Amino acid sequence: MNKLLNKIIILLLLSSIGKAQLAVVADNSFNVGVGPDIMVFATRTQTNGNILLYGNFTNFNNKPYFNFARITSNGALDTTFNCGSCLYSAPTNSWGVCNSFALQADGKILIFGKFNSFNNYTCSNLVRLNTNGSVDTTFKTSYGFNEQIYTVAQQSNGKIIVGGFFTKYGNDSCGKICRLNTNGSIDTTFKSRKGFNVLANPSSSVLTLYVGNNDSVFAGGRFDMYASVYKNSVVKLNSNGMIDSTFNYYDPYNTGGHIVNKILPTPDNSLMIIQDNDLTCGGSTSLAKLNRKGARDTVSFTFHSSLFCGAILGFAINKNNGKMIYTTTNNAMPLPFLPFLQLQSNGQTDSLNFKVGSSFMQAPGVNGYARSLSFQTDSSIIAAGVFNMFRGYNSKCVVKLKTQSVTGISELSYNKEKIKVFPNPSNGKIIVETDASSAIITVFDITGRIMTEEKLDIHTELNFDWLSNGTYIYLIKSNGITVKTDRLIINK
């Protein structure tokens, strides 16, 4: 596996040297100021460009904001939005849990999870806010769901599809999915009483919903049956909750522990699903593309999950070109753009057009990460999570990213420290000068084999005259972060 990964590294580096490329940089016109005191979990962009944030923060720009805040398109705190003290859960007398939130077409906000009050308003795991953050008291769920909600989606008539772990809404049975009217009452015309279950394990749940054409409903999660019909992790329902028999999804890797936790549309009218416990990735996360019949598209889309194992944290699809970005917990490979990647619409890594260096950091040498990613209409990116900077640009937990044209891989390195490698070409004897701390240089041949690794000081003289004449690749890391990568030519 290590040899294969090293070969991929060399191919990516060689293909990018000397070519016009797009580096991902922070947009310095976007400034959140002091920002939130703790992490941001999710963001949603409203039609006017304002951005809603959810996290476990208790203040924003040193002002009391509990869990939710809104910023303008340039990052400034929108003080017209404030939802007060937010989530609460009785009888444990503790903070409630928000799993996420969604925007309605009219701009109102649906917040869902496990809680029974919101800013002192009684509600059952689901509440709706007005556009200014106040509770919409016309939407009543006070004696509603008996368990937590993981996902919601709105149909064109304003009705709300709800999915989660619940089995009842008030006195009505609903197996992990139901539909609510616009006032929060249950819509009994949606036929979901039998709902979802798991043959081997009763802990079935709906984790993701997507409303498609004609108000059809795509549901994904952990289940293998719907209404007593075998359906494995993904099912398509007609607008009334009945199974659409024209859609049949089959996962060849499923052995009972498989989970689909995200369904998203693509610009070519297909579906992208994010899967957990995929056996091709040793129990990690992978992507699959489905056509509208539910079949896996293995011709036009190939995702190498065995190369990029690790949990996918943030994921987004660009509606303009079909490209995808994601952050992952995998930072084992010494690639200069992990753990933040862009995929082309065919699933291949877009290493030429998306370079991010060491990306999200909490402090120099301390990795951060983005839990939420979203494309804006101009293809810029809003990223949020646990970080204080992006490629050296200070921005607390939220940052706006854009692409910038550059040439040559050396220019794409996170090169805050001054690094010189000379002479190059060399007869085998080279000098490395760097201000980087705890630096190490690794030299690869063009097959991806590691030839040598050496520790570096401020001024280090290295003797590589034992290497054969030819082209090699060197990679320099400082405190585990890639800071420079380029060719090394040996010509004795």
Protein backbone atom coordinates (compact mmCIF):
# COMPACT_ATOMS: atom_id res chain seq x y z
CA MET A 1 0.00 0.00 0.00
CA ASN A 2 2.80 2.46 0.91
CA LYS A 3 4.51 1.93 -2.44
CA LEU A 4 1.23 2.56 -4.26
CA LEU A 5 0.62 5.76 -2.30
CA ASN A 6 4.15 6.98 -3.01
CA LYS A 7 3.68 6.35 -6.72
CA ILE A 8 0.51 8.43 -6.67
CA ILE A 9 2.37 11.21 -4.88
CA ILE A 10 5.08 11.29 -7.54
CA LEU A 11 2.60 11.23 -10.43
CA LEU A 12 0.63 14.10 -8.89
CA LEU A 13 3.73 16.17 -8.23
CA LEU A 14 5.33 15.55 -11.61
CA SER A 15 2.07 16.34 -13.43
CA SER A 16 1.77 19.69 -11.69
CA ILE A 17 5.28 21.09 -11.87
CA GLY A 18 5.57 23.98 -14.30
CA LYS A 19 1.89 24.00 -15.27
CA ALA A 20 -0.69 26.69 -14.68
CA GLN A 21 -2.62 25.72 -11.57
CA LEU A 22 -5.22 27.10 -9.19
CA ALA A 23 -4.21 27.54 -5.56
CA VAL A 24 -6.93 27.82 -2.92
CA VAL A 25 -6.45 30.90 -0.76
CA ALA A 26 -8.44 32.79 1.86
CA ASP A 27 -10.52 35.70 0.60
CA ASN A 28 -9.26 38.59 2.74
CA SER A 29 -12.39 40.64 1.98
CA PHE A 30 -14.23 38.19 4.27
CA ASN A 31 -13.52 38.92 7.94
CA VAL A 32 -15.38 37.48 10.94
CA GLY A 33 -13.38 39.54 13.44
CA VAL A 34 -12.89 37.79 16.79
CA GLY A 35 -15.46 35.23 15.60
CA PRO A 36 -16.99 32.39 17.64
CA ASP A 37 -15.29 31.23 20.83
CA ILE A 38 -15.55 27.53 19.92
CA MET A 39 -16.14 25.43 16.82
CA VAL A 40 -18.76 25.78 14.08
CA PHE A 41 -20.51 22.59 12.95
CA ALA A 42 -22.64 23.71 10.01
CA THR A 43 -23.45 26.69 7.78
CA ARG A 44 -26.34 27.55 5.45
CA THR A 45 -26.33 30.42 2.97
CA GLN A 46 -29.54 32.40 2.55
CA THR A 47 -30.74 33.80 -0.76
CA ASN A 48 -29.48 37.30 0.13
CA GLY A 49 -25.96 35.98 0.75
CA ASN A 50 -26.12 36.04 4.55
CA ILE A 51 -24.73 32.93 6.24
CA LEU A 52 -26.25 31.12 9.23
CA LEU A 53 -23.85 29.34 11.58
CA TYR A 54 -24.45 26.56 14.07
CA GLY A 55 -21.88 25.36 16.59
CA ASN A 56 -21.20 24.87 20.28
CA PHE A 57 -20.10 28.47 20.74
CA THR A 58 -21.55 30.70 23.46
CA ASN A 59 -20.37 34.03 22.12
CA PHE A 60 -19.45 35.64 18.83
CA ASN A 61 -17.22 38.69 18.63
CA ASN A 62 -17.32 38.77 22.44
CA LYS A 63 -21.13 39.08 22.45
CA PRO A 64 -23.52 36.41 23.82
CA TYR A 65 -24.64 34.12 20.99
CA PHE A 66 -25.64 30.58 21.94
CA ASN A 67 -25.16 27.95 19.24
CA PHE A 68 -26.52 30.09 16.39
CA ALA A 69 -25.41 33.31 14.71
CA ARG A 70 -25.69 34.97 11.34
CA ILE A 71 -23.01 36.79 9.39
CA THR A 72 -23.20 38.86 6.25
CA SER A 73 -21.59 37.87 2.96
CA ASN A 74 -18.38 39.70 4.02
CA GLY A 75 -18.21 37.96 7.42
CA ALA A 76 -19.59 40.74 9.63
CA LEU A 77 -21.87 39.70 12.50
CA ASP A 78 -25.54 40.37 11.70
CA THR A 79 -26.89 41.75 14.97
CA THR A 80 -30.49 41.68 13.68
CA PHE A 81 -30.46 37.89 14.22
CA ASN A 82 -30.36 36.46 17.75
CA CYS A 83 -32.26 33.40 18.97
CA GLY A 84 -31.44 33.70 22.68
CA SER A 85 -30.46 30.83 24.98
CA CYS A 86 -31.56 28.13 22.54
CA LEU A 87 -31.69 24.38 23.18
CA TYR A 88 -32.74 22.68 26.40
CA SER A 89 -33.59 19.11 27.34
CA ALA A 90 -35.72 18.00 30.30
CA PRO A 91 -35.94 16.05 32.56
CA THR A 92 -32.12 15.85 32.54
CA ASN A 93 -31.92 19.65 32.94
CA SER A 94 -29.16 19.78 30.35
CA TRP A 95 -28.46 21.36 27.00
CA GLY A 96 -30.29 19.74 24.14
CA VAL A 97 -28.70 18.38 20.98
CA CYS A 98 -29.02 20.00 17.57
CA ASN A 99 -28.15 17.54 14.80
CA SER A 100 -28.37 20.22 12.14
CA PHE A 101 -30.67 22.83 10.61
CA ALA A 102 -32.28 23.58 7.27
CA LEU A 103 -33.65 26.59 5.41
CA GLN A 104 -37.20 26.71 4.12
CA ALA A 105 -37.99 28.33 0.78
CA ASP A 106 -39.48 31.33 2.61
CA GLY A 107 -36.26 31.88 4.62
CA LYS A 108 -37.53 30.42 7.88
CA ILE A 109 -35.21 28.04 9.71
CA LEU A 110 -35.89 24.46 10.84
CA ILE A 111 -33.74 23.26 13.75
CA PHE A 112 -33.85 19.58 14.66
CA GLY A 113 -32.19 17.10 16.99
CA LYS A 114 -33.05 15.99 20.53
CA PHE A 115 -34.51 18.70 22.77
CA ASN A 116 -37.87 19.72 24.22
CA SER A 117 -37.54 23.46 24.46
CA PHE A 118 -35.92 26.24 22.48
CA ASN A 119 -35.37 29.59 24.17
CA ASN A 120 -38.06 28.61 26.71
CA TYR A 121 -40.56 27.61 23.98
CA THR A 122 -41.84 24.03 24.38
CA CYS A 123 -41.18 21.89 21.32
CA SER A 124 -40.35 18.27 20.61
CA ASN A 125 -37.06 17.78 18.76
CA LEU A 126 -38.07 20.20 16.00
CA VAL A 127 -38.60 23.97 16.05
CA ARG A 128 -39.02 26.63 13.39
CA LEU A 129 -37.51 30.11 13.62
CA ASN A 130 -38.49 33.28 11.88
CA THR A 131 -35.86 35.01 9.77
CA ASN A 132 -34.79 37.19 12.75
CA GLY A 133 -34.16 34.18 15.02
CA SER A 134 -37.37 34.38 17.05
CA VAL A 135 -39.45 31.22 17.47
CA ASP A 136 -42.28 30.79 14.97
CA THR A 137 -45.11 29.97 17.40
CA THR A 138 -47.48 29.08 14.52
CA PHE A 139 -45.45 25.89 14.06
CA LYS A 140 -46.32 23.54 16.94
CA THR A 141 -44.54 20.27 17.78
CA SER A 142 -44.84 20.35 21.58
CA TYR A 143 -46.17 16.76 21.90
CA GLY A 144 -44.53 15.41 18.79
CA PHE A 145 -41.62 13.09 18.20
CA ASN A 146 -40.71 10.43 20.76
CA GLU A 147 -37.05 10.29 19.60
CA GLN A 148 -34.49 12.43 17.89
CA ILE A 149 -34.55 13.80 14.35
CA TYR A 150 -31.55 13.54 12.01
CA THR A 151 -32.77 15.17 8.79
CA VAL A 152 -35.55 17.24 7.21
CA ALA A 153 -36.44 18.31 3.67
CA GLN A 154 -39.20 20.52 2.28
CA GLN A 155 -41.48 19.68 -0.63
CA SER A 156 -42.70 22.27 -3.13
CA ASN A 157 -46.06 22.67 -1.32
CA GLY A 158 -44.24 23.70 1.87
CA LYS A 159 -44.83 20.42 3.67
CA ILE A 160 -41.88 19.01 5.60
CA ILE A 161 -40.47 15.49 5.37
CA VAL A 162 -38.82 14.45 8.65
CA GLY A 163 -36.46 11.51 9.20
CA GLY A 164 -34.71 10.15 12.27
CA PHE A 165 -34.89 7.54 15.02
CA PHE A 166 -38.47 8.21 16.13
CA THR A 167 -41.39 5.79 15.87
CA LYS A 168 -44.24 8.12 16.86
CA TYR A 169 -45.44 11.66 16.38
CA GLY A 170 -47.95 12.27 19.15
CA ASN A 171 -50.24 9.25 19.01
CA ASP A 172 -49.53 8.50 15.36
CA SER A 173 -47.13 5.69 14.41
CA CYS A 174 -44.49 6.58 11.86
CA GLY A 175 -41.50 4.34 11.29
CA LYS A 176 -38.55 6.75 11.28
CA ILE A 177 -40.12 9.03 8.64
CA CYS A 178 -43.24 11.22 8.38
CA ARG A 179 -44.57 14.37 6.77
CA LEU A 180 -45.76 17.48 8.60
CA ASN A 181 -48.13 20.15 7.41
CA THR A 182 -46.91 23.73 7.35
CA ASN A 183 -48.27 24.30 10.88
CA GLY A 184 -46.41 21.32 12.37
CA SER A 185 -49.32 18.87 12.50
CA ILE A 186 -48.82 15.42 11.05
CA ASP A 187 -49.97 14.77 7.48
CA THR A 188 -51.69 11.38 7.60
CA THR A 189 -51.91 11.19 3.80
CA PHE A 190 -48.18 10.37 3.74
CA LYS A 191 -48.14 6.58 3.98
CA SER A 192 -45.21 5.80 6.27
CA ARG A 193 -46.80 4.00 9.23
CA LYS A 194 -44.75 0.80 8.76
CA GLY A 195 -41.67 2.77 7.82
CA PHE A 196 -38.12 1.52 8.16
CA ASN A 197 -36.54 -1.31 10.10
CA VAL A 198 -33.37 -3.39 10.20
CA LEU A 199 -33.62 -7.15 10.06
CA ALA A 200 -30.66 -7.87 12.34
CA ASN A 201 -30.77 -4.74 14.47
CA PRO A 202 -33.78 -2.63 15.52
CA SER A 203 -31.71 0.58 15.65
CA SER A 204 -32.72 1.64 12.14
CA SER A 205 -32.72 5.33 11.36
CA VAL A 206 -33.12 7.79 8.50
CA LEU A 207 -30.03 10.01 8.27
CA THR A 208 -30.53 11.92 5.04
CA LEU A 209 -33.39 13.12 2.84
CA TYR A 210 -33.50 14.71 -0.59
CA VAL A 211 -36.65 15.89 -2.36
CA GLY A 212 -36.44 15.29 -6.11
CA ASN A 213 -38.64 15.89 -9.12
CA ASN A 214 -42.40 15.74 -8.55
CA ASP A 215 -41.78 15.95 -4.80
CA SER A 216 -40.41 12.40 -4.74
CA VAL A 217 -38.38 11.60 -1.62
CA PHE A 218 -34.97 9.91 -1.52
CA ALA A 219 -34.16 8.56 1.95
CA GLY A 220 -30.85 7.13 3.13
CA GLY A 221 -29.62 5.77 6.42
CA ARG A 222 -29.27 2.50 8.26
CA PHE A 223 -32.08 0.18 7.26
CA ASP A 224 -32.82 -2.78 5.03
CA MET A 225 -36.62 -2.66 4.82
CA TYR A 226 -39.32 -0.11 4.15
CA ALA A 227 -43.00 -1.04 4.51
CA SER A 228 -41.95 -4.73 4.71
CA VAL A 229 -40.14 -4.51 1.34
CA TYR A 230 -36.38 -5.13 1.23
CA LYS A 231 -34.64 -1.80 0.60
CA ASN A 232 -30.96 -1.51 1.37
CA SER A 233 -29.77 1.85 2.79
CA VAL A 234 -31.39 3.97 0.06
CA VAL A 235 -35.01 4.10 -1.09
CA LYS A 236 -37.06 6.36 -3.33
CA LEU A 237 -40.62 7.21 -2.31
CA ASN A 238 -43.37 8.83 -4.29
CA SER A 239 -44.71 12.11 -2.95
CA ASN A 240 -47.32 10.21 -0.90
CA GLY A 241 -44.78 8.00 0.88
CA MET A 242 -45.29 4.86 -1.21
CA ILE A 243 -42.28 3.06 -2.69
CA ASP A 244 -41.24 4.05 -6.20
CA SER A 245 -40.56 0.63 -7.71
CA THR A 246 -38.61 2.09 -10.65
CA PHE A 247 -35.69 2.93 -8.31
CA ASN A 248 -33.69 -0.03 -7.03
CA TYR A 249 -30.42 0.50 -5.19
CA TYR A 250 -28.10 -2.39 -4.47
CA ASP A 251 -24.77 -2.13 -2.68
CA PRO A 252 -22.47 -5.09 -3.41
CA TYR A 253 -20.31 -4.27 -0.35
CA ASN A 254 -23.11 -4.23 2.23
CA THR A 255 -22.93 -6.88 4.97
CA GLY A 256 -25.41 -5.39 7.43
CA GLY A 257 -23.32 -2.60 8.92
CA HIS A 258 -23.58 -0.25 5.96
CA ILE A 259 -24.86 3.32 6.40
CA VAL A 260 -25.72 6.02 3.86
CA ASN A 261 -25.44 9.36 5.64
CA LYS A 262 -25.80 11.80 2.74
CA ILE A 263 -27.69 12.00 -0.56
CA LEU A 264 -26.98 14.97 -2.82
CA PRO A 265 -28.00 15.83 -6.38
CA THR A 266 -25.41 16.42 -9.10
CA PRO A 267 -25.72 18.85 -12.05
CA ASP A 268 -26.10 15.93 -14.50
CA ASN A 269 -29.29 14.74 -12.74
CA SER A 270 -27.59 11.90 -10.88
CA LEU A 271 -27.25 11.32 -7.14
CA MET A 272 -24.11 11.26 -4.99
CA ILE A 273 -24.19 9.23 -1.78
CA ILE A 274 -21.73 9.24 1.10
CA GLN A 275 -21.36 5.81 2.69
CA ASP A 276 -19.91 4.66 5.99
CA ASN A 277 -18.44 1.21 6.71
CA ASP A 278 -17.59 0.53 3.09
CA LEU A 279 -15.60 -2.69 2.95
CA THR A 280 -13.40 -1.42 0.12
CA CYS A 281 -12.05 1.12 2.59
CA GLY A 282 -11.58 -1.08 5.63
CA GLY A 283 -14.65 0.28 7.42
CA SER A 284 -14.29 3.95 6.53
CA THR A 285 -16.17 6.34 4.25
CA SER A 286 -16.52 6.38 0.48
CA LEU A 287 -18.57 7.94 -2.31
CA ALA A 288 -20.78 6.40 -4.95
CA LYS A 289 -22.70 7.91 -7.84
CA LEU A 290 -26.17 6.61 -8.67
CA ASN A 291 -28.29 7.16 -11.73
CA ARG A 292 -31.97 7.99 -11.25
CA LYS A 293 -32.82 4.28 -11.42
CA GLY A 294 -30.63 3.60 -8.38
CA ALA A 295 -27.82 1.76 -10.21
CA ARG A 296 -24.20 2.56 -9.37
CA ASP A 297 -22.42 4.50 -12.09
CA THR A 298 -19.04 2.78 -12.27
CA VAL A 299 -18.28 3.99 -15.80
CA SER A 300 -18.26 7.78 -15.55
CA PHE A 301 -17.43 7.92 -11.82
CA THR A 302 -14.62 6.17 -9.95
CA PHE A 303 -13.73 7.06 -6.37
CA HIS A 304 -10.58 5.39 -5.00
CA SER A 305 -11.77 4.86 -1.45
CA SER A 306 -8.85 2.53 -0.72
CA LEU A 307 -6.50 5.49 -1.23
CA PHE A 308 -8.45 8.10 0.73
CA CYS A 309 -9.73 6.21 3.76
CA GLY A 310 -11.00 8.18 6.71
CA ALA A 311 -14.26 9.78 7.77
CA ILE A 312 -15.55 12.49 5.44
CA LEU A 313 -16.29 15.54 7.57
CA GLY A 314 -17.44 18.21 5.15
CA PHE A 315 -18.68 17.63 1.60
CA ALA A 316 -20.14 19.86 -1.12
CA ILE A 317 -20.92 19.68 -4.84
CA ASN A 318 -20.39 22.68 -7.10
CA LYS A 319 -23.63 23.19 -9.03
CA ASN A 320 -21.73 25.11 -11.72
CA ASN A 321 -19.39 22.30 -12.82
CA GLY A 322 -20.13 19.14 -10.79
CA LYS A 323 -16.81 19.17 -8.97
CA MET A 324 -16.78 18.06 -5.34
CA ILE A 325 -14.79 19.12 -2.31
CA TYR A 326 -14.42 17.32 0.97
CA THR A 327 -12.42 17.28 4.15
CA THR A 328 -11.38 14.03 5.73
CA THR A 329 -9.85 12.75 8.95
CA ASN A 330 -7.15 10.98 6.95
CA ASN A 331 -3.86 12.89 7.11
CA ALA A 332 -1.54 9.91 6.85
CA MET A 333 -0.40 10.49 3.28
CA PRO A 334 2.33 13.09 2.68
CA LEU A 335 0.39 14.97 0.01
CA PRO A 336 0.53 18.77 0.18
CA PHE A 337 -3.25 19.14 -0.26
CA LEU A 338 -4.57 16.68 2.35
CA PRO A 339 -6.87 16.62 4.27
CA PHE A 340 -8.83 18.93 1.95
CA LEU A 341 -9.40 17.76 -1.61
CA GLN A 342 -11.34 18.51 -4.75
CA LEU A 343 -12.63 15.79 -7.02
CA GLN A 344 -13.47 16.17 -10.66
CA SER A 345 -17.00 15.21 -11.63
CA ASN A 346 -15.68 11.74 -12.56
CA GLY A 347 -14.36 11.13 -9.03
CA GLN A 348 -10.68 11.60 -9.81
CA THR A 349 -8.56 13.87 -7.63
CA ASP A 350 -8.31 17.35 -9.13
CA SER A 351 -4.70 17.92 -8.11
CA LEU A 352 -4.01 20.51 -10.83
CA ASN A 353 -6.85 22.92 -10.06
CA PHE A 354 -7.10 22.66 -6.29
CA LYS A 355 -3.97 23.15 -4.17
CA VAL A 356 -4.37 24.08 -0.52
CA GLY A 357 -0.99 23.51 1.12
CA SER A 358 -1.25 22.78 4.84
CA SER A 359 -4.80 24.24 4.91
CA PHE A 360 -6.62 24.47 8.25
CA MET A 361 -4.52 25.09 11.37
CA GLN A 362 -5.31 25.83 15.01
CA ALA A 363 -1.77 27.10 15.54
CA PRO A 364 1.58 26.64 13.76
CA GLY A 365 2.19 22.89 13.77
CA VAL A 366 -1.28 22.10 15.21
CA ASN A 367 -3.76 20.78 12.65
CA GLY A 368 -7.32 22.03 12.50
CA TYR A 369 -10.15 20.82 10.30
CA ALA A 370 -13.32 21.95 8.53
CA ARG A 371 -16.56 20.15 9.41
CA SER A 372 -18.72 22.11 7.00
CA LEU A 373 -18.15 23.10 3.36
CA SER A 374 -20.49 24.89 0.99
CA PHE A 375 -20.12 26.37 -2.48
CA GLN A 376 -21.48 29.84 -3.08
CA THR A 377 -23.07 30.87 -6.37
CA ASP A 378 -19.73 32.28 -7.62
CA SER A 379 -17.95 28.96 -6.79
CA SER A 380 -16.21 30.44 -3.76
CA ILE A 381 -16.29 28.25 -0.66
CA ILE A 382 -17.45 28.83 2.91
CA ALA A 383 -15.57 26.50 5.27
CA ALA A 384 -16.28 26.17 8.98
CA GLY A 385 -14.95 24.00 11.77
CA VAL A 386 -12.09 24.01 14.26
CA PHE A 387 -9.28 26.29 13.10
CA ASN A 388 -7.79 29.72 13.62
CA MET A 389 -6.10 30.13 10.26
CA PHE A 390 -6.06 28.89 6.68
CA ARG A 391 -2.66 28.82 5.00
CA GLY A 392 -1.40 31.47 7.37
CA TYR A 393 -4.47 33.74 7.07
CA ASN A 394 -6.11 34.31 10.46
CA SER A 395 -9.83 33.53 10.48
CA LYS A 396 -11.55 31.97 13.51
CA CYS A 397 -13.64 28.88 12.70
CA VAL A 398 -15.14 30.37 9.50
CA VAL A 399 -13.34 31.37 6.30
CA LYS A 400 -14.20 32.17 2.71
CA LEU A 401 -11.97 30.57 0.10
CA LYS A 402 -11.30 31.38 -3.53
CA THR A 403 -8.96 30.10 -6.22
CA GLN A 404 -5.95 31.97 -7.53
CA SER A 405 -3.96 31.16 -10.65
CA VAL A 406 -0.29 30.25 -10.12
CA THR A 407 2.43 28.42 -12.05
CA GLY A 408 4.70 25.68 -10.79
CA ILE A 409 4.40 23.49 -7.75
CA SER A 410 6.99 25.44 -5.77
CA GLU A 411 4.64 28.43 -5.71
CA LEU A 412 1.89 26.27 -4.23
CA SER A 413 3.87 25.15 -1.21
CA TYR A 414 3.00 26.59 2.16
CA ASN A 415 6.17 28.62 2.08
CA LYS A 416 5.91 30.97 5.03
CA GLU A 417 9.41 29.87 6.04
CA LYS A 418 12.24 30.68 3.64
CA ILE A 419 13.58 27.48 2.07
CA LYS A 420 16.43 27.18 -0.41
CA VAL A 421 17.62 23.96 -2.05
CA PHE A 422 20.69 24.38 -4.25
CA PRO A 423 22.37 23.72 -6.56
CA ASN A 424 19.68 22.07 -8.64
CA PRO A 425 20.65 20.34 -10.97
CA SER A 426 23.33 18.91 -8.72
CA ASN A 427 26.26 16.50 -8.85
CA GLY A 428 24.78 14.89 -5.75
CA LYS A 429 25.93 17.41 -3.16
CA ILE A 430 23.22 19.88 -2.19
CA ILE A 431 22.66 22.53 0.48
CA VAL A 432 19.33 23.15 2.20
CA GLU A 433 18.76 26.41 4.05
CA THR A 434 15.52 26.86 5.97
CA ASP A 435 13.97 28.76 8.85
CA ALA A 436 11.48 25.93 9.33
CA SER A 437 11.63 24.11 12.65
CA SER A 438 11.84 20.30 13.03
CA ALA A 439 12.23 19.98 9.26
CA ILE A 440 12.75 16.72 7.37
CA ILE A 441 13.49 16.21 3.67
CA THR A 442 12.26 13.06 1.90
CA VAL A 443 13.57 12.13 -1.57
CA PHE A 444 11.54 9.86 -3.90
CA ASP A 445 12.46 8.31 -7.22
CA ILE A 446 9.93 8.56 -10.06
CA THR A 447 8.39 5.16 -9.16
CA GLY A 448 7.44 6.47 -5.72
CA ARG A 449 10.15 4.63 -3.78
CA ILE A 450 11.58 6.54 -0.84
CA MET A 451 15.32 6.90 -1.42
CA THR A 452 16.27 8.73 1.76
CA GLU A 453 15.04 10.90 4.62
CA GLU A 454 17.24 13.44 6.39
CA LYS A 455 16.75 15.86 9.28
CA LEU A 456 17.42 19.50 8.46
CA ASP A 457 18.98 22.35 10.39
CA ILE A 458 19.17 26.02 9.40
CA HIS A 459 22.05 25.13 7.06
CA THR A 460 22.39 21.47 6.05
CA GLU A 461 24.86 19.98 3.57
CA LEU A 462 23.67 16.70 2.07
CA ASN A 463 25.58 14.18 -0.03
CA PHE A 464 23.39 12.29 -2.49
CA ASP A 465 26.20 11.32 -4.89
CA TRP A 466 25.22 7.68 -4.44
CA LEU A 467 22.02 8.39 -6.38
CA SER A 468 22.02 7.53 -10.07
CA ASN A 469 21.69 10.31 -12.60
CA GLY A 470 18.06 11.24 -13.17
CA THR A 471 15.03 13.13 -11.87
CA TYR A 472 13.81 12.76 -8.30
CA ILE A 473 11.20 14.49 -6.16
CA TYR A 474 11.92 16.01 -2.77
CA LEU A 475 9.38 16.89 -0.12
CA ILE A 476 10.19 19.00 2.95
CA LYS A 477 8.02 18.92 6.05
CA SER A 478 8.13 21.17 9.10
CA ASN A 479 6.39 19.87 12.24
CA GLY A 480 4.59 17.32 10.08
CA ILE A 481 3.35 19.94 7.58
CA THR A 482 4.48 19.98 3.94
CA VAL A 483 6.24 23.29 3.24
CA LYS A 484 8.03 22.67 -0.06
CA THR A 485 7.98 20.15 -2.90
CA ASP A 486 9.91 20.18 -6.19
CA ARG A 487 12.08 18.23 -8.63
CA LEU A 488 15.68 17.32 -7.78
CA ILE A 489 17.89 16.59 -10.77
CA ILE A 490 21.09 14.58 -10.26
CA ASN A 491 23.63 14.98 -13.08
CA LYS A 492 27.16 13.84 -12.20
